[in-house]
N, C-alpha and C. Protein backbone atom coordinates (compact mmCIF):
# COMPACT_ATOMS: atom_id res chain seq x y z
N UNK A 1 0.81 -1.19 0.00
CA UNK A 1 0.00 0.00 0.00
C UNK A 1 0.85 1.26 0.00
N UNK A 2 1.90 1.19 0.79
CA UNK A 2 2.78 2.35 0.82
C UNK A 2 3.38 2.61 -0.55
N UNK A 3 3.65 1.53 -1.25
CA UNK A 3 4.20 1.65 -2.59
C UNK A 3 3.22 2.39 -3.50
N UNK A 4 1.95 2.04 -3.41
CA UNK A 4 0.92 2.68 -4.23
C UNK A 4 0.79 4.16 -3.89
N UNK A 5 0.90 4.49 -2.59
CA UNK A 5 0.80 5.88 -2.18
C UNK A 5 1.97 6.69 -2.73
N UNK A 6 3.17 6.09 -2.71
CA UNK A 6 4.35 6.77 -3.26
C UNK A 6 4.19 7.00 -4.76
N UNK A 7 3.68 5.99 -5.45
CA UNK A 7 3.48 6.13 -6.90
C UNK A 7 2.47 7.22 -7.19
N UNK A 8 1.36 7.24 -6.45
CA UNK A 8 0.34 8.27 -6.64
C UNK A 8 0.89 9.66 -6.32
N UNK A 9 1.70 9.74 -5.28
CA UNK A 9 2.30 11.03 -4.91
C UNK A 9 3.24 11.52 -6.01
N UNK A 10 4.03 10.60 -6.58
CA UNK A 10 4.94 10.99 -7.66
C UNK A 10 4.17 11.44 -8.89
N UNK A 11 3.06 10.76 -9.19
CA UNK A 11 2.23 11.16 -10.33
C UNK A 11 1.68 12.56 -10.12
N UNK A 12 1.26 12.86 -8.90
CA UNK A 12 0.75 14.19 -8.58
C UNK A 12 1.82 15.24 -8.74
N UNK A 13 3.03 14.94 -8.28
CA UNK A 13 4.15 15.88 -8.42
C UNK A 13 4.48 16.08 -9.89
N UNK A 14 4.45 15.00 -10.65
CA UNK A 14 4.79 15.07 -12.06
C UNK A 14 3.80 15.99 -12.78
N UNK A 15 2.52 15.88 -12.46
CA UNK A 15 1.52 16.73 -13.10
C UNK A 15 1.78 18.19 -12.76
N UNK A 16 2.19 18.47 -11.54
CA UNK A 16 2.46 19.85 -11.14
C UNK A 16 3.68 20.39 -11.87
N UNK A 17 4.68 19.52 -12.15
CA UNK A 17 5.92 19.97 -12.76
C UNK A 17 5.81 20.20 -14.26
N UNK A 18 4.80 19.63 -14.90
CA UNK A 18 4.68 19.79 -16.35
C UNK A 18 4.44 21.26 -16.69
N UNK A 19 5.08 21.68 -17.73
CA UNK A 19 4.91 23.04 -18.21
C UNK A 19 4.07 22.95 -19.47
N UNK A 20 2.97 23.66 -19.50
CA UNK A 20 2.07 23.60 -20.64
C UNK A 20 2.45 24.68 -21.64
N UNK A 21 2.51 24.30 -22.90
CA UNK A 21 2.82 25.22 -23.97
C UNK A 21 1.88 24.94 -25.13
N UNK A 22 1.75 25.92 -26.02
CA UNK A 22 0.89 25.68 -27.18
C UNK A 22 1.60 24.72 -28.13
N UNK A 23 0.84 23.98 -28.90
CA UNK A 23 1.42 22.98 -29.79
C UNK A 23 2.28 23.61 -30.87
N UNK A 24 1.93 24.80 -31.33
CA UNK A 24 2.72 25.46 -32.36
C UNK A 24 4.12 25.79 -31.87
N UNK A 25 4.21 26.28 -30.67
CA UNK A 25 5.49 26.74 -30.16
C UNK A 25 6.40 25.62 -29.71
N UNK A 26 5.83 24.54 -29.22
CA UNK A 26 6.71 23.53 -28.65
C UNK A 26 6.01 22.20 -28.54
N UNK A 27 6.76 21.21 -28.07
CA UNK A 27 6.17 19.91 -27.78
C UNK A 27 6.59 19.50 -26.38
N UNK A 28 5.74 18.74 -25.70
CA UNK A 28 6.01 18.34 -24.33
C UNK A 28 6.70 16.99 -24.34
N UNK A 29 7.83 16.91 -23.67
CA UNK A 29 8.54 15.64 -23.56
C UNK A 29 8.10 14.97 -22.27
N UNK A 30 7.58 13.76 -22.36
CA UNK A 30 7.05 13.09 -21.17
C UNK A 30 8.14 12.50 -20.31
N UNK A 31 9.27 12.12 -20.89
CA UNK A 31 10.32 11.50 -20.09
C UNK A 31 10.91 12.49 -19.09
N UNK A 32 11.15 13.70 -19.54
CA UNK A 32 11.81 14.66 -18.66
C UNK A 32 10.83 15.66 -18.06
N UNK A 33 9.58 15.62 -18.52
CA UNK A 33 8.56 16.55 -18.04
C UNK A 33 8.98 18.01 -18.21
N UNK A 34 9.56 18.30 -19.36
CA UNK A 34 9.92 19.68 -19.65
C UNK A 34 9.37 20.04 -21.01
N UNK A 35 9.28 21.33 -21.26
CA UNK A 35 8.77 21.84 -22.52
C UNK A 35 9.93 22.43 -23.31
N UNK A 36 10.13 21.94 -24.52
CA UNK A 36 11.22 22.45 -25.35
C UNK A 36 10.62 22.99 -26.63
N UNK A 37 11.03 24.16 -27.01
CA UNK A 37 10.49 24.79 -28.20
C UNK A 37 11.04 24.10 -29.44
N UNK A 38 10.16 23.54 -30.26
CA UNK A 38 10.60 22.87 -31.49
C UNK A 38 11.04 23.89 -32.53
N UNK A 39 10.44 25.10 -32.49
CA UNK A 39 10.85 26.13 -33.43
C UNK A 39 12.31 26.51 -33.22
N UNK A 40 12.71 26.70 -31.95
CA UNK A 40 14.09 27.09 -31.69
C UNK A 40 15.04 25.96 -32.02
N UNK A 41 14.62 24.71 -31.80
CA UNK A 41 15.48 23.58 -32.16
C UNK A 41 15.67 23.52 -33.66
N UNK A 42 14.60 23.71 -34.42
CA UNK A 42 14.72 23.65 -35.88
C UNK A 42 15.54 24.83 -36.40
N UNK A 43 15.40 26.01 -35.77
CA UNK A 43 16.20 27.16 -36.16
C UNK A 43 17.67 26.89 -35.95
N UNK A 44 18.01 26.28 -34.82
CA UNK A 44 19.40 25.97 -34.53
C UNK A 44 19.95 24.98 -35.54
N UNK A 45 19.18 23.93 -35.84
CA UNK A 45 19.66 22.95 -36.81
C UNK A 45 19.79 23.56 -38.20
N UNK A 46 18.88 24.48 -38.57
CA UNK A 46 18.99 25.16 -39.86
C UNK A 46 20.24 26.02 -39.92
N UNK A 47 20.53 26.72 -38.81
CA UNK A 47 21.73 27.55 -38.76
C UNK A 47 22.98 26.70 -38.87
N UNK A 48 23.00 25.54 -38.20
CA UNK A 48 24.14 24.65 -38.29
C UNK A 48 24.31 24.13 -39.72
N UNK A 49 23.19 23.80 -40.38
CA UNK A 49 23.24 23.33 -41.76
C UNK A 49 23.80 24.41 -42.67
N UNK A 50 23.33 25.66 -42.49
CA UNK A 50 23.82 26.76 -43.31
C UNK A 50 25.31 26.99 -43.09
N UNK A 51 25.75 26.92 -41.85
CA UNK A 51 27.17 27.12 -41.55
C UNK A 51 28.02 26.05 -42.21
N UNK A 52 27.57 24.80 -42.15
CA UNK A 52 28.35 23.73 -42.78
C UNK A 52 28.33 23.88 -44.29
N UNK A 53 27.20 24.34 -44.87
CA UNK A 53 27.14 24.57 -46.31
C UNK A 53 28.10 25.68 -46.71
N UNK A 54 28.12 26.76 -45.93
CA UNK A 54 29.03 27.85 -46.24
C UNK A 54 30.48 27.41 -46.15
N UNK A 55 30.80 26.62 -45.15
CA UNK A 55 32.16 26.12 -45.00
C UNK A 55 32.54 25.24 -46.18
N UNK A 56 31.59 24.40 -46.63
CA UNK A 56 31.86 23.55 -47.77
C UNK A 56 32.04 24.38 -49.04
N UNK A 57 31.26 25.44 -49.22
CA UNK A 57 31.38 26.24 -50.42
C UNK A 57 32.66 27.07 -50.41
N UNK A 58 33.20 27.36 -49.27
CA UNK A 58 34.44 28.13 -49.21
C UNK A 58 35.63 27.31 -49.66
N UNK A 59 35.53 25.99 -49.63
CA UNK A 59 36.63 25.14 -50.04
C UNK A 59 36.55 24.93 -51.54
N UNK A 60 37.60 25.31 -52.26
CA UNK A 60 37.63 25.17 -53.71
C UNK A 60 38.16 23.79 -54.05
N UNK A 61 37.30 22.96 -54.62
CA UNK A 61 37.68 21.59 -54.94
C UNK A 61 38.18 21.52 -56.37
N UNK A 62 39.27 20.79 -56.62
CA UNK A 62 39.76 20.63 -58.00
C UNK A 62 38.70 19.94 -58.85
N UNK A 63 38.74 20.24 -60.13
CA UNK A 63 37.75 19.67 -61.04
C UNK A 63 38.02 18.18 -61.26
N UNK A 64 36.96 17.42 -61.32
CA UNK A 64 37.07 15.98 -61.57
C UNK A 64 36.73 15.71 -63.04
N UNK A 65 37.17 14.57 -63.53
CA UNK A 65 36.90 14.21 -64.93
C UNK A 65 35.41 14.10 -65.21
N UNK A 66 34.63 13.80 -64.19
CA UNK A 66 33.19 13.62 -64.38
C UNK A 66 32.40 14.92 -64.28
N UNK A 67 33.05 16.01 -63.84
CA UNK A 67 32.35 17.30 -63.72
C UNK A 67 32.01 17.85 -65.11
N UNK A 68 30.77 18.26 -65.27
CA UNK A 68 30.34 18.85 -66.53
C UNK A 68 30.55 20.35 -66.48
N UNK A 69 31.05 20.89 -67.58
CA UNK A 69 31.26 22.33 -67.68
C UNK A 69 30.40 22.82 -68.84
N UNK A 70 29.56 23.80 -68.56
CA UNK A 70 28.65 24.31 -69.58
C UNK A 70 28.79 25.79 -69.78
N UNK A 71 28.01 26.30 -70.71
CA UNK A 71 28.02 27.73 -71.00
C UNK A 71 27.55 28.49 -69.76
N UNK A 72 28.21 29.62 -69.48
CA UNK A 72 27.96 30.51 -68.34
C UNK A 72 28.46 29.97 -67.01
N UNK A 73 29.17 28.86 -67.00
CA UNK A 73 29.83 28.39 -65.78
C UNK A 73 31.09 29.21 -65.57
N UNK A 74 31.42 29.46 -64.31
CA UNK A 74 32.65 30.17 -63.97
C UNK A 74 33.72 29.14 -63.61
N UNK A 75 34.93 29.37 -64.12
CA UNK A 75 36.02 28.41 -63.92
C UNK A 75 37.29 29.14 -63.52
N UNK A 76 38.17 28.41 -62.86
CA UNK A 76 39.51 28.89 -62.53
C UNK A 76 40.47 28.21 -63.49
N UNK A 77 41.21 29.02 -64.27
CA UNK A 77 42.05 28.50 -65.34
C UNK A 77 43.51 28.74 -65.00
N UNK A 78 44.35 27.75 -65.32
CA UNK A 78 45.79 27.82 -65.03
C UNK A 78 46.54 28.14 -66.33
N UNK A 79 47.46 29.13 -66.24
CA UNK A 79 48.33 29.47 -67.36
C UNK A 79 49.77 29.40 -66.90
N UNK A 80 50.65 28.93 -67.77
CA UNK A 80 52.08 28.87 -67.47
C UNK A 80 52.78 29.86 -68.38
N UNK A 81 53.39 30.91 -67.78
CA UNK A 81 54.14 31.91 -68.53
C UNK A 81 55.54 32.01 -67.93
N UNK A 82 56.54 31.76 -68.73
CA UNK A 82 57.93 31.87 -68.30
C UNK A 82 58.17 31.16 -66.97
N UNK A 83 57.75 29.94 -66.88
CA UNK A 83 57.92 29.09 -65.69
C UNK A 83 57.19 29.60 -64.45
N UNK A 84 56.24 30.50 -64.64
CA UNK A 84 55.43 30.99 -63.53
C UNK A 84 53.98 30.60 -63.81
N UNK A 85 53.36 29.96 -62.83
CA UNK A 85 51.97 29.54 -62.97
C UNK A 85 51.07 30.66 -62.43
N UNK A 86 50.14 31.11 -63.26
CA UNK A 86 49.15 32.11 -62.85
C UNK A 86 47.76 31.53 -63.08
N UNK A 87 46.81 32.01 -62.30
CA UNK A 87 45.43 31.54 -62.42
C UNK A 87 44.52 32.73 -62.70
N UNK A 88 43.52 32.49 -63.53
CA UNK A 88 42.56 33.52 -63.90
C UNK A 88 41.15 32.95 -63.77
N UNK A 89 40.22 33.83 -63.43
CA UNK A 89 38.81 33.45 -63.35
C UNK A 89 38.15 33.84 -64.66
N UNK A 90 37.35 32.93 -65.19
CA UNK A 90 36.66 33.21 -66.44
C UNK A 90 35.28 32.60 -66.48
N UNK A 91 34.50 33.08 -67.46
CA UNK A 91 33.15 32.54 -67.68
C UNK A 91 33.13 31.86 -69.04
N UNK A 92 32.64 30.64 -69.07
CA UNK A 92 32.60 29.86 -70.30
C UNK A 92 31.55 30.46 -71.23
N UNK A 93 31.98 30.79 -72.47
CA UNK A 93 31.07 31.35 -73.46
C UNK A 93 30.64 30.33 -74.50
N UNK A 94 31.50 29.35 -74.78
CA UNK A 94 31.16 28.33 -75.77
C UNK A 94 31.87 27.03 -75.40
N UNK A 95 31.25 25.92 -75.78
CA UNK A 95 31.81 24.60 -75.51
C UNK A 95 31.94 23.86 -76.83
N UNK A 96 33.13 23.33 -77.10
CA UNK A 96 33.39 22.54 -78.30
C UNK A 96 33.69 21.12 -77.87
N UNK A 97 32.73 20.23 -78.10
CA UNK A 97 32.85 18.88 -77.56
C UNK A 97 32.76 18.99 -76.05
N UNK A 98 33.61 18.30 -75.36
CA UNK A 98 33.67 18.48 -73.91
C UNK A 98 35.10 18.76 -73.47
N UNK A 99 35.96 19.12 -74.47
CA UNK A 99 37.37 19.32 -74.13
C UNK A 99 37.90 20.71 -74.45
N UNK A 100 37.21 21.48 -75.30
CA UNK A 100 37.66 22.83 -75.63
C UNK A 100 36.56 23.83 -75.30
N UNK A 101 37.01 25.01 -74.82
CA UNK A 101 36.06 26.02 -74.36
C UNK A 101 36.54 27.41 -74.77
N UNK A 102 35.59 28.29 -75.09
CA UNK A 102 35.88 29.72 -75.22
C UNK A 102 35.55 30.33 -73.87
N UNK A 103 36.52 31.04 -73.29
CA UNK A 103 36.35 31.61 -71.95
C UNK A 103 36.60 33.11 -71.99
N UNK A 104 35.70 33.88 -71.39
CA UNK A 104 35.91 35.32 -71.20
C UNK A 104 36.45 35.51 -69.80
N UNK A 105 37.62 36.15 -69.71
CA UNK A 105 38.29 36.27 -68.42
C UNK A 105 37.92 37.55 -67.70
N UNK A 106 37.95 37.47 -66.38
CA UNK A 106 37.67 38.60 -65.50
C UNK A 106 38.99 39.06 -64.89
N UNK A 107 38.98 40.23 -64.30
CA UNK A 107 40.15 40.76 -63.60
C UNK A 107 39.84 40.85 -62.11
N UNK A 108 40.88 40.66 -61.32
CA UNK A 108 40.73 40.75 -59.87
C UNK A 108 40.62 42.22 -59.47
N UNK A 109 39.73 42.49 -58.54
CA UNK A 109 39.53 43.85 -58.04
C UNK A 109 40.81 44.34 -57.38
N UNK A 110 41.19 45.60 -57.66
CA UNK A 110 42.39 46.19 -57.05
C UNK A 110 42.26 46.21 -55.54
N UNK A 111 43.39 46.10 -54.86
CA UNK A 111 43.40 46.18 -53.41
C UNK A 111 43.24 44.84 -52.73
N UNK A 112 43.12 43.77 -53.50
CA UNK A 112 43.03 42.44 -52.91
C UNK A 112 44.34 41.73 -53.17
N UNK A 113 44.87 41.10 -52.16
CA UNK A 113 46.09 40.33 -52.35
C UNK A 113 45.75 39.06 -53.11
N UNK A 114 46.75 38.47 -53.75
CA UNK A 114 46.50 37.25 -54.53
C UNK A 114 46.27 36.05 -53.63
N UNK A 115 46.53 36.19 -52.33
CA UNK A 115 46.32 35.07 -51.41
C UNK A 115 45.27 35.39 -50.36
N UNK A 116 44.31 36.24 -50.73
CA UNK A 116 43.25 36.62 -49.79
C UNK A 116 42.38 35.43 -49.43
N UNK A 117 42.07 35.27 -48.13
CA UNK A 117 41.21 34.17 -47.70
C UNK A 117 39.75 34.58 -47.67
N UNK A 118 39.49 35.89 -47.78
CA UNK A 118 38.11 36.35 -47.82
C UNK A 118 37.54 36.08 -49.20
N UNK A 119 36.29 36.43 -49.39
CA UNK A 119 35.69 36.22 -50.70
C UNK A 119 36.45 37.04 -51.74
N UNK A 120 36.51 36.51 -52.93
CA UNK A 120 37.27 37.12 -54.01
C UNK A 120 36.33 37.91 -54.91
N UNK A 121 36.70 39.16 -55.25
CA UNK A 121 35.88 40.01 -56.11
C UNK A 121 36.58 40.23 -57.45
N UNK A 122 35.80 40.17 -58.52
CA UNK A 122 36.32 40.31 -59.87
C UNK A 122 35.39 41.21 -60.67
N UNK A 123 35.87 41.66 -61.84
CA UNK A 123 35.05 42.46 -62.74
C UNK A 123 35.46 42.15 -64.17
N UNK A 124 34.55 42.45 -65.11
CA UNK A 124 34.88 42.29 -66.52
C UNK A 124 35.68 43.50 -66.97
N UNK A 125 36.80 43.31 -67.67
CA UNK A 125 37.60 44.45 -68.13
C UNK A 125 36.87 45.19 -69.26
N UNK A 126 37.29 46.45 -69.51
CA UNK A 126 36.67 47.24 -70.58
C UNK A 126 36.87 46.58 -71.94
N UNK A 127 38.07 46.06 -72.18
CA UNK A 127 38.36 45.34 -73.42
C UNK A 127 38.15 43.86 -73.15
N UNK A 128 37.27 43.25 -73.92
CA UNK A 128 36.91 41.85 -73.73
C UNK A 128 38.14 40.96 -73.90
N UNK A 129 38.40 40.11 -72.92
CA UNK A 129 39.56 39.22 -72.92
C UNK A 129 39.07 37.78 -73.02
N UNK A 130 39.13 37.21 -74.22
CA UNK A 130 38.67 35.83 -74.41
C UNK A 130 39.80 34.98 -74.95
N UNK A 131 39.69 33.70 -74.69
CA UNK A 131 40.69 32.76 -75.17
C UNK A 131 40.05 31.39 -75.28
N UNK A 132 40.59 30.58 -76.19
CA UNK A 132 40.13 29.19 -76.29
C UNK A 132 41.09 28.34 -75.46
N UNK A 133 40.54 27.57 -74.55
CA UNK A 133 41.35 26.75 -73.66
C UNK A 133 40.89 25.30 -73.72
N UNK A 134 41.76 24.41 -73.27
CA UNK A 134 41.38 23.00 -73.20
C UNK A 134 41.00 22.64 -71.77
N UNK A 135 40.34 21.52 -71.61
CA UNK A 135 39.85 21.10 -70.30
C UNK A 135 40.98 20.92 -69.29
N UNK A 136 42.15 20.47 -69.75
CA UNK A 136 43.25 20.22 -68.80
C UNK A 136 43.83 21.51 -68.22
N UNK A 137 43.46 22.68 -68.76
CA UNK A 137 43.90 23.96 -68.19
C UNK A 137 42.95 24.46 -67.11
N UNK A 138 41.78 23.85 -67.00
CA UNK A 138 40.80 24.25 -65.99
C UNK A 138 41.14 23.57 -64.67
N UNK A 139 41.35 24.38 -63.65
CA UNK A 139 41.71 23.87 -62.32
C UNK A 139 40.47 23.52 -61.52
N UNK A 140 39.45 24.40 -61.56
CA UNK A 140 38.26 24.18 -60.74
C UNK A 140 37.06 24.87 -61.37
N UNK A 141 35.90 24.32 -61.08
CA UNK A 141 34.64 24.96 -61.45
C UNK A 141 34.19 25.74 -60.23
N UNK A 142 33.93 27.03 -60.41
CA UNK A 142 33.57 27.90 -59.29
C UNK A 142 32.07 27.85 -59.04
N UNK A 143 31.66 28.11 -57.80
CA UNK A 143 30.22 28.17 -57.51
C UNK A 143 29.62 29.42 -58.14
N UNK A 144 28.31 29.49 -58.15
CA UNK A 144 27.65 30.68 -58.68
C UNK A 144 28.10 31.90 -57.89
N UNK A 145 28.39 33.00 -58.57
CA UNK A 145 28.89 34.19 -57.87
C UNK A 145 27.76 34.99 -57.25
N UNK A 146 28.16 35.88 -56.34
CA UNK A 146 27.25 36.87 -55.77
C UNK A 146 27.50 38.16 -56.52
N UNK A 147 26.44 38.78 -57.02
CA UNK A 147 26.56 40.07 -57.66
C UNK A 147 26.36 41.11 -56.57
N UNK A 148 27.37 41.94 -56.36
CA UNK A 148 27.35 42.87 -55.24
C UNK A 148 26.69 44.18 -55.62
N UNK A 149 26.13 44.82 -54.63
CA UNK A 149 25.74 46.21 -54.71
C UNK A 149 24.48 46.54 -55.49
N UNK A 150 24.08 47.80 -55.31
CA UNK A 150 22.89 48.31 -55.98
C UNK A 150 23.23 49.41 -56.97
N UNK A 151 24.44 49.95 -56.89
CA UNK A 151 24.84 50.98 -57.85
C UNK A 151 25.47 50.29 -59.05
N UNK A 152 25.58 51.01 -60.16
CA UNK A 152 26.16 50.45 -61.37
C UNK A 152 27.60 50.00 -61.13
N UNK A 153 28.35 50.81 -60.38
CA UNK A 153 29.75 50.48 -60.12
C UNK A 153 29.87 49.20 -59.29
N UNK A 154 29.12 49.10 -58.21
CA UNK A 154 29.25 47.92 -57.35
C UNK A 154 28.54 46.71 -57.93
N UNK A 155 27.54 46.92 -58.78
CA UNK A 155 26.85 45.78 -59.41
C UNK A 155 27.75 45.09 -60.43
N UNK A 156 28.77 45.79 -60.91
CA UNK A 156 29.68 45.17 -61.88
C UNK A 156 30.70 44.26 -61.20
N UNK A 157 30.74 44.25 -59.88
CA UNK A 157 31.66 43.38 -59.15
C UNK A 157 31.04 42.01 -58.96
N UNK A 158 31.81 41.00 -59.28
CA UNK A 158 31.36 39.62 -59.14
C UNK A 158 32.18 39.00 -58.02
N UNK A 159 31.51 38.47 -57.02
CA UNK A 159 32.19 37.94 -55.84
C UNK A 159 31.96 36.45 -55.72
N UNK A 160 33.05 35.72 -55.50
CA UNK A 160 32.98 34.28 -55.26
C UNK A 160 33.34 34.03 -53.81
N UNK A 161 32.47 33.35 -53.12
CA UNK A 161 32.69 33.07 -51.70
C UNK A 161 33.45 31.75 -51.55
N UNK A 162 34.67 31.72 -52.08
CA UNK A 162 35.53 30.53 -51.98
C UNK A 162 36.93 30.97 -51.59
N UNK A 163 37.66 30.05 -51.03
CA UNK A 163 39.04 30.30 -50.62
C UNK A 163 39.96 29.95 -51.79
N UNK A 164 40.55 30.98 -52.40
CA UNK A 164 41.49 30.79 -53.51
C UNK A 164 42.92 31.08 -53.08
N UNK A 165 43.18 31.01 -51.80
CA UNK A 165 44.50 31.39 -51.29
C UNK A 165 45.60 30.42 -51.73
N UNK A 166 45.24 29.24 -52.20
CA UNK A 166 46.25 28.28 -52.67
C UNK A 166 46.70 28.57 -54.09
N UNK A 167 46.10 29.56 -54.73
CA UNK A 167 46.39 29.86 -56.13
C UNK A 167 46.83 31.32 -56.27
N UNK A 168 47.66 31.60 -57.28
CA UNK A 168 48.05 32.97 -57.59
C UNK A 168 47.04 33.47 -58.62
N UNK A 169 45.98 34.12 -58.12
CA UNK A 169 44.89 34.57 -58.98
C UNK A 169 45.12 36.02 -59.37
N UNK A 170 45.02 36.28 -60.68
CA UNK A 170 45.21 37.64 -61.19
C UNK A 170 43.97 38.14 -61.85
């Protein structure tokens, strides 16, 4: 009998300890008798997902043989001049088969070091700079850029949120 009284007393205490919340805002956990907001939990998990996505996009992965390159894709291209390797960012304008490409090159915004770890900003030069390149000169396919600003001057800046510090980008 004493056992039953203790059980009944605990049930009464448990009912008093429960925190009531609306179903929209949260759900009640019966094991711990506490109320946890499901909205805040989902917000936290969404923020963690976004952070991991951003971290993944900041890492520039070398191009694989299976990666498809199409018109209007942005690429990082390697050039060898006088035993010095330089890299340039360009936009694919035409594809010939899957091995040759016409690429229009961009210029790096002044004031950025070639080994900047922040996002990289580029612009199209006044004189169009195009070249036909082969697939083996392409180092990486870049993610879609962010077009900065609302003014004509800042809207012409194209920003890639990737780490290009391992390359000498011009």
